[in-house]
Every structure is written in structure tokens, then in C-alpha cells.
Amino acid sequence: MSQIAKPGLSPLPAERLLWQYLVPAGTHWSGVMRRGSALRLTDSEGGANCAVTFFNAEEKLERYNMPDTLKAQHTALLTRGHCLYSDMGRILCSLIDDSVGWHDPLCGVSDAAQVREKYGESHYQSARNAMARSGRDSLLIELAKYGLGKRDLGATVNFFSKVTVDAEGRLLFASGHSPAGGAVDLRFEMNTLVVLSTAPHPLDPAPSHAPKPALLTAWHAGEAPADDCCRNFCGENQRGFVNTERYYLS
């Protein structure tokens, strides 16, 4: 069988591949993923950050809910087996495979003031594509394509980034957490609008603006089977899958 080799996770059979796209460093992307499709995010060079948020593609008032996602699964990080919940108690997507092991759901994205303070002034007129654009501004550019704006920008998942908390409650960014080729697979349980930025994590201590690209690979995964690791991760996930499947019965 011909295969598409992907570092970090098992190869994907070529006949299941839908498309690929390399999101350049420090830029942004959005698109609709259909129920039963999957998206592999690959850290091409190591040290990437992909800030991603999610919406029901048909009814964008329904969107990713970070508090419900974390409390339902009793976690403060995301990895294989976890699901991302909407504010209607449905599952937008599931993390069906992961070679990185820890993705930050807590810290959100940088804004323009933080970027100016950390990296200095940077404008497209002088720096062109090397300008330092904040994660927030990147996501807002994509949201505008769908009639969405500032009030619609909520929590993100920072894929490839790890943040821990010390004994004094300080948030600590783990530099070098994601290796080159590290990858995570998201299977979509709903038709989902995905909005993504490759701007650096807001807590990244690197003194210079050095974002990294991310490779997106879309493929056909099918719907979650009865023995699926995400469905059976906890009782709340089982109920979330039932709630989602009933939504598609009508």
C-alpha cells in the first residue's frame, strides 16, 4: 500500500489523504473540516506554536468552550484521548493521536501591546512577511472572513506548547517542548470551522521574534467507533458523543 510518511505519528495511507498545506511562520489560516475528517498538525521544525479555536460551521454561535472541556475531563492539559467541547455540550473534535504529549489550553494568545513591548515596533511596510503580528490580530483577520469579530474570539488551544504551574502559582513556559516532526491528529465529530495562528506563544521567553511553520494534513478518518479511545476516556465523553450524534440524526 502506498503511504504518506509523517514524522512523529504513524504514516497515513495515501488513499485517505485529502490535502496538505504548510502554514508559514507567524501567519494564519482557517477552513472548514467536515464530520469524519481529520487534521494532522505537524511541527515541521520544532518549537512551533499553533493557537487554534473552533466553531460549529453551520451555527457559529456554538463554539469551543475551554472551561467545559477541562472540567469534563479533569485535566489542565490536552493530549491523546481528550475531546474539545462546544458550549452546547457537543464534541467538536477529538485528539485521536499525539506524539507531543502536552498541549496548552490555558494561556490564550498575545495581543499587539505585548508584541510591541517584547519585540519592538514592526510594520508590514518595512518588514513585509517578517513583521511581528500578534496571535490575536492573526485570528481576527481569519474570523473576519466569516463575519465574526472581536466578541467572537474566545479561548484557544496552543498546540505544541507546554505551560506548567510552580508552587507559587507562576506559569512556566517549557522551551523546546515540541521536537521537529512532533504531531497531533484531530478527528472532527462536527462540521467545524477551524481558525489557526502560528504566532509565538505569549509566554515564550525567546528574546527575538522567531515563529515556526506548521504543516496541516487533512485526511479521512471516519466516525468514532464504539471502542474509540476518546469516546471511552471518561463517562462525560461518552455522553458528549451521544449528544453530538443525536445532533446529526435530524
Protein backbone atom coordinates (compact mmCIF):
# COMPACT_ATOMS: atom_id res chain seq x y z
CA MET A 1 0.00 0.00 0.00
CA SER A 2 1.31 3.45 -0.93
CA GLN A 3 1.68 5.70 2.12
CA ILE A 4 2.28 9.34 3.00
CA ALA A 5 5.07 9.40 5.59
CA LYS A 6 4.51 11.76 8.52
CA PRO A 7 7.20 12.08 11.22
CA GLY A 8 6.14 11.60 14.82
CA LEU A 9 2.97 9.55 14.17
CA SER A 10 2.04 6.52 12.11
CA PRO A 11 2.04 7.08 8.34
CA LEU A 12 -1.25 7.94 6.67
CA PRO A 13 -2.40 5.75 3.76
CA ALA A 14 -2.23 7.80 0.58
CA GLU A 15 -5.80 6.94 -0.41
CA ARG A 16 -7.12 8.64 2.75
CA LEU A 17 -5.23 11.88 2.19
CA LEU A 18 -7.39 14.90 1.29
CA TRP A 19 -4.94 17.82 1.13
CA GLN A 20 -1.83 19.37 2.67
CA TYR A 21 -0.86 22.95 3.40
CA LEU A 22 2.18 24.48 5.13
CA VAL A 23 1.11 27.45 7.26
CA PRO A 24 4.10 29.84 7.18
CA ALA A 25 5.68 31.01 10.42
CA GLY A 26 3.88 33.89 12.12
CA THR A 27 0.84 33.78 9.84
CA HIS A 28 -2.70 32.41 9.99
CA TRP A 29 -5.16 30.03 8.32
CA SER A 30 -8.80 28.98 8.54
CA GLY A 31 -11.01 26.37 6.94
CA VAL A 32 -13.96 24.03 7.44
CA MET A 33 -13.33 20.42 8.43
CA ARG A 34 -16.24 18.03 7.86
CA ARG A 35 -17.51 15.44 10.31
CA GLY A 36 -15.44 12.28 9.89
CA SER A 37 -12.40 14.10 8.53
CA ALA A 38 -9.19 14.61 10.47
CA LEU A 39 -6.42 17.18 10.57
CA ARG A 40 -2.83 16.34 11.42
CA LEU A 41 -0.86 19.30 12.77
CA THR A 42 2.89 18.75 12.39
CA ASP A 43 5.59 20.91 13.96
CA SER A 44 7.86 21.00 10.92
CA GLU A 45 10.97 22.50 12.51
CA GLY A 46 10.41 22.11 16.26
CA GLY A 47 9.36 24.79 18.72
CA ALA A 48 6.16 25.78 16.90
CA ASN A 49 3.01 27.16 18.50
CA CYS A 50 -0.39 26.72 16.84
CA ALA A 51 -3.11 28.73 18.57
CA VAL A 52 -6.41 27.28 17.36
CA THR A 53 -10.07 27.97 18.07
CA PHE A 54 -13.16 26.18 16.76
CA PHE A 55 -16.78 26.93 15.77
CA ASN A 56 -19.78 24.91 14.60
CA ALA A 57 -19.52 25.57 10.86
CA GLU A 58 -23.31 25.75 10.42
CA GLU A 59 -24.12 27.77 13.55
CA LYS A 60 -21.16 29.87 14.62
CA LEU A 61 -22.80 30.95 17.87
CA GLU A 62 -21.76 27.48 19.02
CA ARG A 63 -18.02 27.42 19.62
CA TYR A 64 -15.17 25.88 21.61
CA ASN A 65 -15.66 26.06 25.37
CA MET A 66 -12.41 25.77 27.31
CA PRO A 67 -13.86 25.54 30.87
CA ASP A 68 -16.26 22.73 29.96
CA THR A 69 -13.53 20.89 28.03
CA LEU A 70 -11.18 20.87 31.01
CA LYS A 71 -13.62 20.23 33.85
CA ALA A 72 -15.44 17.44 31.99
CA GLN A 73 -12.17 15.54 31.59
CA HIS A 74 -10.49 16.63 34.86
CA THR A 75 -7.40 18.00 33.14
CA ALA A 76 -5.36 21.16 32.68
CA LEU A 77 -3.59 19.92 29.54
CA LEU A 78 -4.68 18.25 26.31
CA THR A 79 -3.33 15.10 24.69
CA ARG A 80 -4.48 11.82 23.12
CA GLY A 81 -7.90 10.72 24.39
CA HIS A 82 -9.20 14.21 25.12
CA CYS A 83 -12.08 15.91 23.33
CA LEU A 84 -12.79 19.58 22.66
CA TYR A 85 -16.31 20.53 23.76
CA SER A 86 -18.58 23.24 22.44
CA ASP A 87 -20.69 25.46 24.68
CA MET A 88 -23.66 23.22 23.81
CA GLY A 89 -22.09 20.11 25.33
CA ARG A 90 -21.22 18.62 21.96
CA ILE A 91 -17.80 17.44 20.82
CA LEU A 92 -16.25 19.50 18.06
CA CYS A 93 -13.17 17.31 17.66
CA SER A 94 -11.11 14.64 19.41
CA LEU A 95 -7.36 14.19 19.86
CA ILE A 96 -7.02 10.68 18.46
CA ASP A 97 -3.21 10.56 18.34
CA ASP A 98 -0.39 12.68 19.70
CA SER A 99 3.40 12.37 19.70
CA VAL A 100 4.00 15.59 21.69
CA GLY A 101 2.08 14.65 24.85
CA TRP A 102 1.10 18.06 26.23
CA HIS A 103 -0.76 20.97 24.61
CA ASP A 104 -1.59 24.18 26.49
CA PRO A 105 -5.31 25.09 26.73
CA LEU A 106 -4.93 27.90 29.27
CA CYS A 107 -2.81 30.82 28.12
CA GLY A 108 -4.54 32.20 25.04
CA VAL A 109 -2.72 34.41 22.54
CA SER A 110 -0.56 37.52 22.52
CA ASP A 111 -2.01 40.93 21.70
CA ALA A 112 -0.44 43.88 19.84
CA ALA A 113 0.72 45.64 23.02
CA GLN A 114 2.54 42.53 24.25
CA VAL A 115 4.24 42.08 20.89
CA ARG A 116 5.41 45.71 20.77
CA GLU A 117 6.75 45.52 24.33
CA LYS A 118 8.60 42.27 23.69
CA TYR A 119 9.84 42.60 20.10
CA GLY A 120 9.58 46.33 19.34
CA GLU A 121 7.66 48.07 16.57
CA SER A 122 7.20 46.08 13.38
CA HIS A 123 5.18 47.07 10.31
CA TYR A 124 4.35 45.32 7.07
CA GLN A 125 5.57 48.33 5.08
CA SER A 126 9.13 47.75 6.31
CA ALA A 127 9.30 44.12 7.48
CA ARG A 128 6.84 42.59 5.00
CA ASN A 129 6.07 38.98 5.90
CA ALA A 130 8.68 39.05 8.67
CA MET A 131 6.63 41.52 10.71
CA ALA A 132 5.75 40.52 14.26
CA ARG A 133 1.96 40.15 14.25
CA SER A 134 0.22 39.11 17.44
CA GLY A 135 -1.76 35.90 17.73
CA ARG A 136 -4.90 37.89 18.48
CA ASP A 137 -4.60 40.03 15.34
CA SER A 138 -3.88 36.94 13.24
CA LEU A 139 -7.02 35.18 14.46
CA LEU A 140 -9.15 38.31 13.99
CA ILE A 141 -8.06 38.52 10.34
CA GLU A 142 -9.34 34.97 9.77
CA LEU A 143 -12.53 35.46 11.79
CA ALA A 144 -13.47 38.46 9.65
CA LYS A 145 -13.70 36.18 6.61
CA TYR A 146 -16.75 34.54 8.21
CA GLY A 147 -18.48 37.66 9.55
CA LEU A 148 -17.00 37.17 13.02
CA GLY A 149 -15.11 39.71 15.11
CA LYS A 150 -13.61 40.64 18.47
CA ARG A 151 -16.58 39.48 20.53
CA ASP A 152 -16.30 36.02 18.94
CA LEU A 153 -12.65 35.46 19.87
CA GLY A 154 -12.54 33.29 22.97
CA ALA A 155 -10.16 30.66 24.29
CA THR A 156 -7.65 28.85 22.11
CA VAL A 157 -5.70 25.62 22.32
CA ASN A 158 -1.96 26.26 21.97
CA PHE A 159 -0.87 23.09 20.22
CA PHE A 160 2.82 22.15 20.64
CA SER A 161 3.24 24.38 23.73
CA LYS A 162 3.59 23.26 27.35
CA VAL A 163 2.92 25.51 30.34
CA THR A 164 3.16 24.31 33.94
CA VAL A 165 2.47 25.97 37.29
CA ASP A 166 5.04 26.15 40.09
CA ALA A 167 4.41 26.01 43.85
CA GLU A 168 3.87 29.78 43.94
CA GLY A 169 1.27 29.75 41.17
CA ARG A 170 3.50 31.12 38.43
CA LEU A 171 3.00 29.93 34.85
CA LEU A 172 6.19 28.42 33.40
CA PHE A 173 6.71 28.00 29.65
CA ALA A 174 8.64 24.86 28.65
CA SER A 175 11.09 25.92 25.94
CA GLY A 176 11.96 23.25 23.38
CA HIS A 177 8.95 21.11 24.33
CA SER A 178 7.88 20.12 20.82
CA PRO A 179 10.50 18.42 18.61
CA ALA A 180 10.77 18.71 14.86
CA GLY A 181 8.20 16.30 13.44
CA GLY A 182 6.01 16.33 16.55
CA ALA A 183 2.38 15.90 15.54
CA VAL A 184 -1.20 15.67 16.79
CA ASP A 185 -4.26 14.27 15.00
CA LEU A 186 -7.67 15.94 15.42
CA ARG A 187 -10.73 13.98 14.26
CA PHE A 188 -13.78 16.16 13.71
CA GLU A 189 -17.05 14.98 15.21
CA MET A 190 -18.94 18.02 13.85
CA ASN A 191 -18.63 20.18 10.74
CA THR A 192 -16.18 22.63 12.26
CA LEU A 193 -14.67 25.98 11.33
CA VAL A 194 -11.00 25.88 12.38
CA VAL A 195 -9.13 29.17 12.89
CA LEU A 196 -5.36 28.99 13.45
CA SER A 197 -2.36 31.24 14.10
CA THR A 198 1.32 30.30 14.09
CA ALA A 199 2.39 33.35 16.13
CA PRO A 200 4.65 32.58 19.12
CA HIS A 201 3.10 31.60 22.45
CA PRO A 202 2.53 34.67 24.68
CA LEU A 203 4.82 33.23 27.38
CA ASP A 204 7.64 32.18 25.03
CA PRO A 205 10.76 33.75 26.60
CA ALA A 206 12.75 33.91 23.34
CA PRO A 207 14.09 37.49 23.07
CA SER A 208 13.65 37.70 19.29
CA HIS A 209 10.56 37.10 17.17
CA ALA A 210 11.13 33.60 15.78
CA PRO A 211 7.82 31.88 14.94
CA LYS A 212 7.80 28.46 13.27
CA PRO A 213 5.64 26.98 10.49
CA ALA A 214 3.13 24.17 10.85
CA LEU A 215 2.16 21.54 8.30
CA LEU A 216 -1.55 20.73 8.01
CA THR A 217 -2.56 17.37 6.57
CA ALA A 218 -6.26 16.65 6.10
CA TRP A 219 -7.38 13.06 5.78
CA HIS A 220 -10.47 10.86 6.04
CA ALA A 221 -10.72 9.21 9.46
CA GLY A 222 -14.39 8.18 9.61
CA GLU A 223 -16.69 8.48 12.60
CA ALA A 224 -15.67 7.34 16.08
CA PRO A 225 -16.14 3.57 16.62
CA ALA A 226 -17.63 2.09 19.78
CA ASP A 227 -14.18 1.26 21.19
CA ASP A 228 -12.69 4.68 20.40
CA CYS A 229 -10.12 5.93 22.95
CA CYS A 230 -11.64 9.42 23.07
CA ARG A 231 -15.23 8.22 23.38
CA ASN A 232 -14.27 5.96 26.29
CA PHE A 233 -11.77 8.25 28.02
CA CYS A 234 -14.41 9.09 30.65
CA GLY A 235 -18.15 8.89 31.19
CA GLU A 236 -18.61 12.54 30.26
CA ASN A 237 -17.04 11.91 26.85
CA GLN A 238 -19.43 9.02 26.23
CA ARG A 239 -22.34 11.37 26.94
CA GLY A 240 -20.76 14.06 24.76
CA PHE A 241 -20.56 11.68 21.80
CA VAL A 242 -24.21 10.67 22.24
CA ASN A 243 -25.21 14.34 22.37
CA THR A 244 -23.22 15.03 19.20
CA GLU A 245 -24.55 12.01 17.30
CA ARG A 246 -28.15 12.94 18.13
CA TYR A 247 -27.48 16.39 16.62
CA TYR A 248 -26.77 14.70 13.27
CA LEU A 249 -29.78 12.39 13.34
CA SER A 250 -32.22 15.17 12.43
